[in-house]
Amino acid sequence: MPTVTRDQLEASLSDLCTQVRDPRAGILGPDSIAWQLGGDLGVFIGGGRAALLQLAHPMVAHAIDHHSKTRTDVVGRFQRTFRNVFAMVFGELEDALRAARRVHAVHSRISGTFADAIGGWQAGTEYHANDADALRWVHATLADTTITVRERLDGPLPISIKDRYMVELNRFAALFGIPRSLLPDSWSAHARYMTEMIASDRLAVSASAREMGQFLFGRGLGTAQPPLGRVAEAMSAALLPLHLADAFGLRASPRLVSAGLAAFRTVYRRLPEAVVKLPARAEAERRLVGQPPGRFSAWTERQLFGLAHRATGQ
């Protein structure tokens, strides 16, 4: 696929603006399924799964390996990534547009070529961070992981809810300029795409992707793996397709995952909504009713951004 140009991004953003009823509520708003399904801390159970699915795409892996500070600034990259994502999903329309242009500008400087063949990709293949196909895959992994986690925590969701969720998330995709022709109009269309990609040679775990994946869980650093990293690794192994978990060299622990999920569900279901709600969502809801930022949300955000440090030990 060709790369998304700045003009194409602007056209996508212009079209998106025509779909937004209340700019203060942003591209989705508090009545959206997206805020409900992806608006609490439970979604972070799937963080490792989403990251590894993305690294399984050679274009994504090469871009991160050669152009990112992930290894030297884990927490900083985590913060920058999620502040942009939170601005896009929970911010006002102008916040979302500003974040979209910022991310596109960063991506526009990231390109290169594959030194070696990997999967179905030949040596010398050019990669670009704004490649439409790679952007589509990253977007799909986020949507797919959110549904996977929600169904693990709450049980099967009605198809009608999943259909609506996928259609809503096409607005998020528009912030990256992903062509509308590549986006699903239903859950079944999304599921078909995921199945085809996972079975194809367009996904392939390179040695560097494997190394980065293990690094995310605090392995290969010359020190003992942090306990939270062990839990995150086991959870990711349980949520990934088996052949990809094996390709990343993940250490599975079904008992640990089963016990961890059971404990998490017990606590999660008893906590007030205000406690488990993502800080960005809580602040957006306060903003929409004219309330100032809350101190509890700020504290929760600090704890959230500390997770990357506690998982990797870096």
C-alpha atoms as a PDB file:
ATOM      1  CA  MET A   1       0.000   0.000   0.000  1.00  0.00           C
ATOM      2  CA  PRO A   2       1.160   3.603  -0.554  1.00  0.00           C
ATOM      3  CA  THR A   3       2.024   5.863   2.333  1.00  0.00           C
ATOM      4  CA  VAL A   4      -0.548   8.296   3.701  1.00  0.00           C
ATOM      5  CA  THR A   5       0.490  11.798   2.624  1.00  0.00           C
ATOM      6  CA  ARG A   6      -0.183  14.978   4.563  1.00  0.00           C
ATOM      7  CA  ASP A   7      -2.784  16.019   1.988  1.00  0.00           C
ATOM      8  CA  GLN A   8      -4.544  12.673   2.363  1.00  0.00           C
ATOM      9  CA  LEU A   9      -4.476  13.041   6.135  1.00  0.00           C
ATOM     10  CA  GLU A  10      -5.998  16.519   5.914  1.00  0.00           C
ATOM     11  CA  ALA A  11      -8.731  15.246   3.608  1.00  0.00           C
ATOM     12  CA  SER A  12      -9.462  12.466   6.081  1.00  0.00           C
ATOM     13  CA  LEU A  13      -9.592  14.928   8.987  1.00  0.00           C
ATOM     14  CA  SER A  14     -11.855  17.265   7.057  1.00  0.00           C
ATOM     15  CA  ASP A  15     -14.286  14.433   6.373  1.00  0.00           C
ATOM     16  CA  LEU A  16     -14.133  13.365  10.022  1.00  0.00           C
ATOM     17  CA  CYS A  17     -15.081  16.851  11.182  1.00  0.00           C
ATOM     18  CA  THR A  18     -18.343  16.621   9.259  1.00  0.00           C
ATOM     19  CA  GLN A  19     -19.281  13.529  11.319  1.00  0.00           C
ATOM     20  CA  VAL A  20     -18.735  15.134  14.725  1.00  0.00           C
ATOM     21  CA  ARG A  21     -21.893  16.559  16.301  1.00  0.00           C
ATOM     22  CA  ASP A  22     -20.320  18.106  19.408  1.00  0.00           C
ATOM     23  CA  PRO A  23     -16.673  19.214  19.048  1.00  0.00           C
ATOM     24  CA  ARG A  24     -16.354  19.457  22.835  1.00  0.00           C
ATOM     25  CA  ALA A  25     -17.128  15.743  23.154  1.00  0.00           C
ATOM     26  CA  GLY A  26     -14.513  14.849  20.540  1.00  0.00           C
ATOM     27  CA  ILE A  27     -14.710  12.223  17.816  1.00  0.00           C
ATOM     28  CA  LEU A  28     -16.704   9.701  19.893  1.00  0.00           C
ATOM     29  CA  GLY A  29     -18.247  11.130  23.055  1.00  0.00           C
ATOM     30  CA  PRO A  30     -19.608   9.696  26.311  1.00  0.00           C
ATOM     31  CA  ASP A  31     -22.524   7.900  24.634  1.00  0.00           C
ATOM     32  CA  SER A  32     -20.238   5.866  22.400  1.00  0.00           C
ATOM     33  CA  ILE A  33     -19.624   2.148  22.760  1.00  0.00           C
ATOM     34  CA  ALA A  34     -15.922   2.912  22.362  1.00  0.00           C
ATOM     35  CA  TRP A  35     -15.835   4.934  25.583  1.00  0.00           C
ATOM     36  CA  GLN A  36     -17.718   2.207  27.409  1.00  0.00           C
ATOM     37  CA  LEU A  37     -15.644  -0.749  26.201  1.00  0.00           C
ATOM     38  CA  GLY A  38     -12.251   0.926  26.150  1.00  0.00           C
ATOM     39  CA  GLY A  39     -12.646   3.453  28.924  1.00  0.00           C
ATOM     40  CA  ASP A  40     -11.425   1.638  32.019  1.00  0.00           C
ATOM     41  CA  LEU A  41      -8.200   0.164  33.356  1.00  0.00           C
ATOM     42  CA  GLY A  42      -9.222  -3.384  32.450  1.00  0.00           C
ATOM     43  CA  VAL A  43      -8.114  -2.824  28.858  1.00  0.00           C
ATOM     44  CA  PHE A  44      -4.476  -2.734  29.965  1.00  0.00           C
ATOM     45  CA  ILE A  45      -4.638  -6.484  30.548  1.00  0.00           C
ATOM     46  CA  GLY A  46      -4.306  -6.707  26.778  1.00  0.00           C
ATOM     47  CA  GLY A  47      -1.435  -4.244  26.423  1.00  0.00           C
ATOM     48  CA  GLY A  48       1.160  -6.936  25.812  1.00  0.00           C
ATOM     49  CA  ARG A  49      -1.052  -8.730  23.300  1.00  0.00           C
ATOM     50  CA  ALA A  50      -1.616  -5.587  21.243  1.00  0.00           C
ATOM     51  CA  ALA A  51       2.075  -4.664  21.312  1.00  0.00           C
ATOM     52  CA  LEU A  52       3.202  -8.109  20.176  1.00  0.00           C
ATOM     53  CA  LEU A  53       0.604  -8.350  17.416  1.00  0.00           C
ATOM     54  CA  GLN A  54       1.943  -5.048  16.127  1.00  0.00           C
ATOM     55  CA  LEU A  55       5.572  -6.188  16.381  1.00  0.00           C
ATOM     56  CA  ALA A  56       4.641  -9.263  14.350  1.00  0.00           C
ATOM     57  CA  HIS A  57       4.208  -6.944  11.365  1.00  0.00           C
ATOM     58  CA  PRO A  58       7.746  -6.464   9.985  1.00  0.00           C
ATOM     59  CA  MET A  59       7.106  -2.847   8.972  1.00  0.00           C
ATOM     60  CA  VAL A  60       6.075  -1.960  12.506  1.00  0.00           C
ATOM     61  CA  ALA A  61       8.926  -3.927  14.068  1.00  0.00           C
ATOM     62  CA  HIS A  62      11.563  -2.342  11.837  1.00  0.00           C
ATOM     63  CA  ALA A  63      10.212   1.157  12.438  1.00  0.00           C
ATOM     64  CA  ILE A  64      10.317   0.700  16.213  1.00  0.00           C
ATOM     65  CA  ASP A  65      13.667  -1.102  16.222  1.00  0.00           C
ATOM     66  CA  HIS A  66      15.469   1.504  14.144  1.00  0.00           C
ATOM     67  CA  HIS A  67      13.666   4.722  15.021  1.00  0.00           C
ATOM     68  CA  SER A  68      12.287   4.426  18.562  1.00  0.00           C
ATOM     69  CA  LYS A  69      13.744   4.972  22.032  1.00  0.00           C
ATOM     70  CA  THR A  70      11.726   2.093  23.467  1.00  0.00           C
ATOM     71  CA  ARG A  71      14.789   0.354  24.898  1.00  0.00           C
ATOM     72  CA  THR A  72      16.225   3.462  26.550  1.00  0.00           C
ATOM     73  CA  ASP A  73      13.054   5.290  27.528  1.00  0.00           C
ATOM     74  CA  VAL A  74      10.287   2.757  28.156  1.00  0.00           C
ATOM     75  CA  VAL A  75       8.172   4.950  30.430  1.00  0.00           C
ATOM     76  CA  GLY A  76       8.628   8.026  28.251  1.00  0.00           C
ATOM     77  CA  ARG A  77       7.472   6.229  25.107  1.00  0.00           C
ATOM     78  CA  PHE A  78       4.532   4.744  27.013  1.00  0.00           C
ATOM     79  CA  GLN A  79       3.520   8.215  28.180  1.00  0.00           C
ATOM     80  CA  ARG A  80       3.869   9.845  24.773  1.00  0.00           C
ATOM     81  CA  THR A  81       1.943   7.088  23.023  1.00  0.00           C
ATOM     82  CA  PHE A  82      -0.995   7.055  25.400  1.00  0.00           C
ATOM     83  CA  ARG A  83      -1.197  10.815  25.774  1.00  0.00           C
ATOM     84  CA  ASN A  84      -1.636  11.031  22.015  1.00  0.00           C
ATOM     85  CA  VAL A  85      -4.153   8.174  21.973  1.00  0.00           C
ATOM     86  CA  PHE A  86      -6.089   9.596  24.929  1.00  0.00           C
ATOM     87  CA  ALA A  87      -6.186  13.027  23.256  1.00  0.00           C
ATOM     88  CA  MET A  88      -7.587  11.406  20.119  1.00  0.00           C
ATOM     89  CA  VAL A  89     -10.217   9.286  21.883  1.00  0.00           C
ATOM     90  CA  PHE A  90     -11.232  11.439  24.858  1.00  0.00           C
ATOM     91  CA  GLY A  91     -10.114  14.951  23.956  1.00  0.00           C
ATOM     92  CA  GLU A  92     -12.077  17.698  22.280  1.00  0.00           C
ATOM     93  CA  LEU A  93     -12.110  17.636  18.496  1.00  0.00           C
ATOM     94  CA  GLU A  94      -9.250  20.133  18.259  1.00  0.00           C
ATOM     95  CA  ASP A  95      -7.180  18.026  20.672  1.00  0.00           C
ATOM     96  CA  ALA A  96      -7.735  14.980  18.485  1.00  0.00           C
ATOM     97  CA  LEU A  97      -6.819  16.823  15.288  1.00  0.00           C
ATOM     98  CA  ARG A  98      -3.695  18.286  16.870  1.00  0.00           C
ATOM     99  CA  ALA A  99      -2.573  14.850  18.072  1.00  0.00           C
ATOM    100  CA  ALA A 100      -3.280  13.340  14.645  1.00  0.00           C
ATOM    101  CA  ARG A 101      -1.079  15.908  12.903  1.00  0.00           C
ATOM    102  CA  ARG A 102       1.648  15.486  15.502  1.00  0.00           C
ATOM    103  CA  VAL A 103       1.737  11.690  15.121  1.00  0.00           C
ATOM    104  CA  HIS A 104       1.671  11.922  11.324  1.00  0.00           C
ATOM    105  CA  ALA A 105       4.596  14.355  11.363  1.00  0.00           C
ATOM    106  CA  VAL A 106       6.652  12.013  13.537  1.00  0.00           C
ATOM    107  CA  HIS A 107       5.749   9.029  11.354  1.00  0.00           C
ATOM    108  CA  SER A 108       6.680  10.920   8.185  1.00  0.00           C
ATOM    109  CA  ARG A 109      10.333  10.897   9.305  1.00  0.00           C
ATOM    110  CA  ILE A 110      10.406   7.141   9.813  1.00  0.00           C
ATOM    111  CA  SER A 111      11.353   5.018   6.812  1.00  0.00           C
ATOM    112  CA  GLY A 112      13.968   2.554   5.667  1.00  0.00           C
ATOM    113  CA  THR A 113      14.494  -0.799   3.983  1.00  0.00           C
ATOM    114  CA  PHE A 114      14.543  -4.403   5.169  1.00  0.00           C
ATOM    115  CA  ALA A 115      18.111  -5.649   5.294  1.00  0.00           C
ATOM    116  CA  ASP A 116      16.958  -9.268   5.204  1.00  0.00           C
ATOM    117  CA  ALA A 117      13.958 -11.183   3.957  1.00  0.00           C
ATOM    118  CA  ILE A 118      11.326 -11.851   6.616  1.00  0.00           C
ATOM    119  CA  GLY A 119       8.136 -13.837   6.075  1.00  0.00           C
ATOM    120  CA  GLY A 120       6.651 -12.808   2.747  1.00  0.00           C
ATOM    121  CA  TRP A 121       8.761  -9.634   2.630  1.00  0.00           C
ATOM    122  CA  GLN A 122      11.875  -9.552   0.462  1.00  0.00           C
ATOM    123  CA  ALA A 123      15.185  -8.012   1.444  1.00  0.00           C
ATOM    124  CA  GLY A 124      15.287  -4.406   0.245  1.00  0.00           C
ATOM    125  CA  THR A 125      11.569  -3.828   0.762  1.00  0.00           C
ATOM    126  CA  GLU A 126      10.936  -0.239   1.785  1.00  0.00           C
ATOM    127  CA  TYR A 127       8.983   0.482   4.947  1.00  0.00           C
ATOM    128  CA  HIS A 128       7.278   3.684   6.078  1.00  0.00           C
ATOM    129  CA  ALA A 129       5.581   4.412   9.391  1.00  0.00           C
ATOM    130  CA  ASN A 130       2.720   6.052   7.471  1.00  0.00           C
ATOM    131  CA  ASP A 131       2.199   2.996   5.266  1.00  0.00           C
ATOM    132  CA  ALA A 132      -1.567   2.563   4.995  1.00  0.00           C
ATOM    133  CA  ASP A 133      -1.441  -1.220   5.371  1.00  0.00           C
ATOM    134  CA  ALA A 134       0.740  -1.053   8.494  1.00  0.00           C
ATOM    135  CA  LEU A 135      -1.480   1.644  10.010  1.00  0.00           C
ATOM    136  CA  ARG A 136      -4.518  -0.506   9.285  1.00  0.00           C
ATOM    137  CA  TRP A 137      -2.931  -3.452  11.101  1.00  0.00           C
ATOM    138  CA  VAL A 138      -2.043  -1.393  14.180  1.00  0.00           C
ATOM    139  CA  HIS A 139      -5.572   0.010  14.320  1.00  0.00           C
ATOM    140  CA  ALA A 140      -7.066  -3.474  13.961  1.00  0.00           C
ATOM    141  CA  THR A 141      -4.915  -4.892  16.777  1.00  0.00           C
ATOM    142  CA  LEU A 142      -6.144  -2.223  19.183  1.00  0.00           C
ATOM    143  CA  ALA A 143      -9.792  -2.861  18.338  1.00  0.00           C
ATOM    144  CA  ASP A 144      -9.381  -6.615  18.435  1.00  0.00           C
ATOM    145  CA  THR A 145      -7.545  -6.590  21.751  1.00  0.00           C
ATOM    146  CA  THR A 146     -10.153  -4.386  23.414  1.00  0.00           C
ATOM    147  CA  ILE A 147     -12.912  -6.827  22.478  1.00  0.00           C
ATOM    148  CA  THR A 148     -10.782  -9.827  23.473  1.00  0.00           C
ATOM    149  CA  VAL A 149     -10.146  -8.370  26.936  1.00  0.00           C
ATOM    150  CA  ARG A 150     -13.733  -7.256  27.465  1.00  0.00           C
ATOM    151  CA  GLU A 151     -15.019 -10.727  26.658  1.00  0.00           C
ATOM    152  CA  ARG A 152     -12.462 -12.295  28.989  1.00  0.00           C
ATOM    153  CA  LEU A 153     -13.656 -10.029  31.801  1.00  0.00           C
ATOM    154  CA  ASP A 154     -17.374  -9.744  31.117  1.00  0.00           C
ATOM    155  CA  GLY A 155     -18.315 -12.678  28.872  1.00  0.00           C
ATOM    156  CA  PRO A 156     -19.462 -12.701  25.216  1.00  0.00           C
ATOM    157  CA  LEU A 157     -20.670  -9.410  23.774  1.00  0.00           C
ATOM    158  CA  PRO A 158     -23.654  -9.158  21.415  1.00  0.00           C
ATOM    159  CA  ILE A 159     -22.684  -8.919  17.765  1.00  0.00           C
ATOM    160  CA  SER A 160     -24.685  -5.683  17.521  1.00  0.00           C
ATOM    161  CA  ILE A 161     -22.416  -4.081  20.125  1.00  0.00           C
ATOM    162  CA  LYS A 162     -19.275  -5.288  18.358  1.00  0.00           C
ATOM    163  CA  ASP A 163     -20.592  -4.076  15.008  1.00  0.00           C
ATOM    164  CA  ARG A 164     -21.279  -0.626  16.428  1.00  0.00           C
ATOM    165  CA  TYR A 165     -17.864  -0.560  18.090  1.00  0.00           C
ATOM    166  CA  MET A 166     -16.055  -1.262  14.828  1.00  0.00           C
ATOM    167  CA  VAL A 167     -18.005   1.417  12.968  1.00  0.00           C
ATOM    168  CA  GLU A 168     -17.294   3.957  15.714  1.00  0.00           C
ATOM    169  CA  LEU A 169     -13.579   3.151  15.647  1.00  0.00           C
ATOM    170  CA  ASN A 170     -13.420   4.056  11.973  1.00  0.00           C
ATOM    171  CA  ARG A 171     -13.428   7.642  13.241  1.00  0.00           C
ATOM    172  CA  PHE A 172     -10.273   6.883  15.205  1.00  0.00           C
ATOM    173  CA  ALA A 173      -8.754   5.356  12.072  1.00  0.00           C
ATOM    174  CA  ALA A 174      -9.523   8.566  10.182  1.00  0.00           C
ATOM    175  CA  LEU A 175      -7.096  10.396  12.480  1.00  0.00           C
ATOM    176  CA  PHE A 176      -4.292   8.425  10.827  1.00  0.00           C
ATOM    177  CA  GLY A 177      -5.595   8.902   7.301  1.00  0.00           C
ATOM    178  CA  ILE A 178      -6.309   5.198   6.825  1.00  0.00           C
ATOM    179  CA  PRO A 179      -8.360   4.948   3.615  1.00  0.00           C
ATOM    180  CA  ARG A 180     -12.024   4.214   4.242  1.00  0.00           C
ATOM    181  CA  SER A 181     -11.857   1.379   1.702  1.00  0.00           C
ATOM    182  CA  LEU A 182      -9.563  -0.539   4.082  1.00  0.00           C
ATOM    183  CA  LEU A 183     -11.815  -0.266   7.126  1.00  0.00           C
ATOM    184  CA  PRO A 184     -14.457  -2.781   8.234  1.00  0.00           C
ATOM    185  CA  ASP A 185     -18.159  -1.988   8.380  1.00  0.00           C
ATOM    186  CA  SER A 186     -18.922  -4.831  10.803  1.00  0.00           C
ATOM    187  CA  TRP A 187     -17.337  -7.132  13.369  1.00  0.00           C
ATOM    188  CA  SER A 188     -17.425 -10.041  10.908  1.00  0.00           C
ATOM    189  CA  ALA A 189     -15.462  -8.013   8.348  1.00  0.00           C
ATOM    190  CA  HIS A 190     -12.875  -7.161  10.996  1.00  0.00           C
ATOM    191  CA  ALA A 191     -12.663 -10.784  12.195  1.00  0.00           C
ATOM    192  CA  ARG A 192     -12.163 -11.949   8.601  1.00  0.00           C
ATOM    193  CA  TYR A 193      -9.278  -9.512   8.142  1.00  0.00           C
ATOM    194  CA  MET A 194      -7.642 -10.596  11.427  1.00  0.00           C
ATOM    195  CA  THR A 195      -7.928 -14.283  10.503  1.00  0.00           C
ATOM    196  CA  GLU A 196      -6.406 -13.682   7.073  1.00  0.00           C
ATOM    197  CA  MET A 197      -3.532 -11.614   8.439  1.00  0.00           C
ATOM    198  CA  ILE A 198      -2.684 -14.008  11.259  1.00  0.00           C
ATOM    199  CA  ALA A 199      -2.582 -16.928   8.814  1.00  0.00           C
ATOM    200  CA  SER A 200      -0.555 -15.040   6.214  1.00  0.00           C
ATOM    201  CA  ASP A 201       3.180 -14.513   5.682  1.00  0.00           C
ATOM    202  CA  ARG A 202       2.672 -10.754   6.036  1.00  0.00           C
ATOM    203  CA  LEU A 203       3.159 -11.351   9.743  1.00  0.00           C
ATOM    204  CA  ALA A 204       6.515 -12.779  10.749  1.00  0.00           C
ATOM    205  CA  VAL A 205       8.436 -12.417  14.002  1.00  0.00           C
ATOM    206  CA  SER A 206      11.997 -11.296  13.299  1.00  0.00           C
ATOM    207  CA  ALA A 207      14.864 -11.743  15.735  1.00  0.00           C
ATOM    208  CA  SER A 208      14.689  -8.057  16.671  1.00  0.00           C
ATOM    209  CA  ALA A 209      10.910  -8.246  17.173  1.00  0.00           C
ATOM    210  CA  ARG A 210      11.389 -11.247  19.463  1.00  0.00           C
ATOM    211  CA  GLU A 211      14.047  -9.384  21.429  1.00  0.00           C
ATOM    212  CA  MET A 212      11.863  -6.278  21.760  1.00  0.00           C
ATOM    213  CA  GLY A 213       8.894  -8.392  22.819  1.00  0.00           C
ATOM    214  CA  GLN A 214      10.856 -10.052  25.595  1.00  0.00           C
ATOM    215  CA  PHE A 215      12.314  -6.706  26.627  1.00  0.00           C
ATOM    216  CA  LEU A 216       8.771  -5.396  27.197  1.00  0.00           C
ATOM    217  CA  PHE A 217       8.348  -8.058  29.874  1.00  0.00           C
ATOM    218  CA  GLY A 218      11.651  -7.344  31.586  1.00  0.00           C
ATOM    219  CA  ARG A 219      13.623 -10.235  30.082  1.00  0.00           C
ATOM    220  CA  GLY A 220      17.111 -10.202  28.588  1.00  0.00           C
ATOM    221  CA  LEU A 221      18.300  -7.325  30.752  1.00  0.00           C
ATOM    222  CA  GLY A 222      20.864  -9.173  32.840  1.00  0.00           C
ATOM    223  CA  THR A 223      18.636  -8.941  35.910  1.00  0.00           C
ATOM    224  CA  ALA A 224      15.775 -10.993  37.319  1.00  0.00           C
ATOM    225  CA  GLN A 225      12.435 -10.509  35.543  1.00  0.00           C
ATOM    226  CA  PRO A 226      10.111  -8.295  37.615  1.00  0.00           C
ATOM    227  CA  PRO A 227       7.052 -10.170  38.979  1.00  0.00           C
ATOM    228  CA  LEU A 228       4.663  -7.899  37.077  1.00  0.00           C
ATOM    229  CA  GLY A 229       6.612  -8.617  33.900  1.00  0.00           C
ATOM    230  CA  ARG A 230       6.163 -12.347  34.472  1.00  0.00           C
ATOM    231  CA  VAL A 231       2.408 -11.904  34.908  1.00  0.00           C
ATOM    232  CA  ALA A 232       2.175  -9.671  31.818  1.00  0.00           C
ATOM    233  CA  GLU A 233       4.137 -12.199  29.760  1.00  0.00           C
ATOM    234  CA  ALA A 234       1.926 -15.093  30.831  1.00  0.00           C
ATOM    235  CA  MET A 235      -1.221 -13.083  30.123  1.00  0.00           C
ATOM    236  CA  SER A 236       0.019 -12.113  26.672  1.00  0.00           C
ATOM    237  CA  ALA A 237       0.899 -15.730  25.886  1.00  0.00           C
ATOM    238  CA  ALA A 238      -2.643 -16.755  26.810  1.00  0.00           C
ATOM    239  CA  LEU A 239      -4.262 -14.059  24.662  1.00  0.00           C
ATOM    240  CA  LEU A 240      -2.118 -14.461  21.524  1.00  0.00           C
ATOM    241  CA  PRO A 241      -2.493 -17.057  18.773  1.00  0.00           C
ATOM    242  CA  LEU A 242      -0.322 -19.997  19.832  1.00  0.00           C
ATOM    243  CA  HIS A 243       2.106 -19.819  16.902  1.00  0.00           C
ATOM    244  CA  LEU A 244       2.823 -16.148  17.567  1.00  0.00           C
ATOM    245  CA  ALA A 245       3.308 -16.715  21.306  1.00  0.00           C
ATOM    246  CA  ASP A 246       5.812 -19.441  20.389  1.00  0.00           C
ATOM    247  CA  ALA A 247       7.543 -17.213  17.829  1.00  0.00           C
ATOM    248  CA  PHE A 248       8.059 -14.539  20.479  1.00  0.00           C
ATOM    249  CA  GLY A 249       9.405 -17.133  22.883  1.00  0.00           C
ATOM    250  CA  LEU A 250       6.812 -16.341  25.542  1.00  0.00           C
ATOM    251  CA  ARG A 251       6.719 -18.428  28.684  1.00  0.00           C
ATOM    252  CA  ALA A 252       3.158 -19.547  29.210  1.00  0.00           C
ATOM    253  CA  SER A 253       1.648 -20.195  32.628  1.00  0.00           C
ATOM    254  CA  PRO A 254      -2.031 -21.186  32.377  1.00  0.00           C
ATOM    255  CA  ARG A 255      -2.383 -21.547  36.133  1.00  0.00           C
ATOM    256  CA  LEU A 256      -0.938 -18.098  36.747  1.00  0.00           C
ATOM    257  CA  VAL A 257      -3.251 -16.577  34.142  1.00  0.00           C
ATOM    258  CA  SER A 258      -6.317 -18.374  35.465  1.00  0.00           C
ATOM    259  CA  ALA A 259      -5.594 -17.358  39.052  1.00  0.00           C
ATOM    260  CA  GLY A 260      -4.659 -13.828  38.051  1.00  0.00           C
ATOM    261  CA  LEU A 261      -7.800 -13.283  35.978  1.00  0.00           C
ATOM    262  CA  ALA A 262     -10.018 -14.710  38.710  1.00  0.00           C
ATOM    263  CA  ALA A 263      -8.447 -12.414  41.306  1.00  0.00           C
ATOM    264  CA  PHE A 264      -8.630  -9.429  39.008  1.00  0.00           C
ATOM    265  CA  ARG A 265     -12.296 -10.041  38.154  1.00  0.00           C
ATOM    266  CA  THR A 266     -13.179 -10.302  41.842  1.00  0.00           C
ATOM    267  CA  VAL A 267     -11.538  -6.986  42.694  1.00  0.00           C
ATOM    268  CA  TYR A 268     -12.492  -5.275  39.436  1.00  0.00           C
ATOM    269  CA  ARG A 269     -16.213  -5.994  39.798  1.00  0.00           C
ATOM    270  CA  ARG A 270     -16.327  -4.714  43.364  1.00  0.00           C
ATOM    271  CA  LEU A 271     -14.551  -1.428  42.755  1.00  0.00           C
ATOM    272  CA  PRO A 272     -16.583   1.727  42.057  1.00  0.00           C
ATOM    273  CA  GLU A 273     -16.663   2.854  38.445  1.00  0.00           C
ATOM    274  CA  ALA A 274     -14.787   6.013  39.410  1.00  0.00           C
ATOM    275  CA  VAL A 275     -11.820   3.923  40.538  1.00  0.00           C
ATOM    276  CA  VAL A 276     -11.454   1.746  37.431  1.00  0.00           C
ATOM    277  CA  LYS A 277     -12.272   4.452  34.904  1.00  0.00           C
ATOM    278  CA  LEU A 278      -9.362   5.655  32.764  1.00  0.00           C
ATOM    279  CA  PRO A 279      -8.159   9.078  33.951  1.00  0.00           C
ATOM    280  CA  ALA A 280      -8.561  10.510  30.451  1.00  0.00           C
ATOM    281  CA  ARG A 281     -12.189   9.381  30.289  1.00  0.00           C
ATOM    282  CA  ALA A 282     -12.924  10.662  33.796  1.00  0.00           C
ATOM    283  CA  GLU A 283     -11.441  14.065  32.969  1.00  0.00           C
ATOM    284  CA  ALA A 284     -13.373  14.225  29.696  1.00  0.00           C
ATOM    285  CA  GLU A 285     -16.641  13.543  31.503  1.00  0.00           C
ATOM    286  CA  ARG A 286     -15.830  16.220  34.093  1.00  0.00           C
ATOM    287  CA  ARG A 287     -14.972  18.667  31.308  1.00  0.00           C
ATOM    288  CA  LEU A 288     -18.288  18.078  29.568  1.00  0.00           C
ATOM    289  CA  VAL A 289     -20.274  18.996  32.694  1.00  0.00           C
ATOM    290  CA  GLY A 290     -18.125  22.010  33.503  1.00  0.00           C
ATOM    291  CA  GLN A 291     -16.143  20.524  36.392  1.00  0.00           C
ATOM    292  CA  PRO A 292     -12.410  21.153  36.921  1.00  0.00           C
ATOM    293  CA  PRO A 293      -9.840  18.330  36.692  1.00  0.00           C
ATOM    294  CA  GLY A 294      -9.934  15.916  39.611  1.00  0.00           C
ATOM    295  CA  ARG A 295      -6.975  15.075  41.823  1.00  0.00           C
ATOM    296  CA  PHE A 296      -7.890  11.393  41.920  1.00  0.00           C
ATOM    297  CA  SER A 297      -7.570  11.114  38.151  1.00  0.00           C
ATOM    298  CA  ALA A 298      -4.130  12.709  38.280  1.00  0.00           C
ATOM    299  CA  TRP A 299      -3.034  10.174  40.917  1.00  0.00           C
ATOM    300  CA  THR A 300      -4.420   7.285  38.865  1.00  0.00           C
ATOM    301  CA  GLU A 301      -2.569   8.514  35.800  1.00  0.00           C
ATOM    302  CA  ARG A 302       0.720   8.533  37.692  1.00  0.00           C
ATOM    303  CA  GLN A 303       0.123   4.939  38.787  1.00  0.00           C
ATOM    304  CA  LEU A 304      -0.805   3.973  35.239  1.00  0.00           C
ATOM    305  CA  PHE A 305       2.386   5.395  33.790  1.00  0.00           C
ATOM    306  CA  GLY A 306       4.356   3.607  36.486  1.00  0.00           C
ATOM    307  CA  LEU A 307       3.191   0.227  35.180  1.00  0.00           C
ATOM    308  CA  ALA A 308       5.735   0.257  32.359  1.00  0.00           C
ATOM    309  CA  HIS A 309       8.560   0.710  34.855  1.00  0.00           C
ATOM    310  CA  ARG A 310       7.297  -2.047  37.137  1.00  0.00           C
ATOM    311  CA  ALA A 311       6.827  -4.485  34.233  1.00  0.00           C
ATOM    312  CA  THR A 312      10.236  -3.980  32.641  1.00  0.00           C
ATOM    313  CA  GLY A 313      12.328  -2.866  35.586  1.00  0.00           C
ATOM    314  CA  GLN A 314      13.580   0.024  33.444  1.00  0.00           C
END
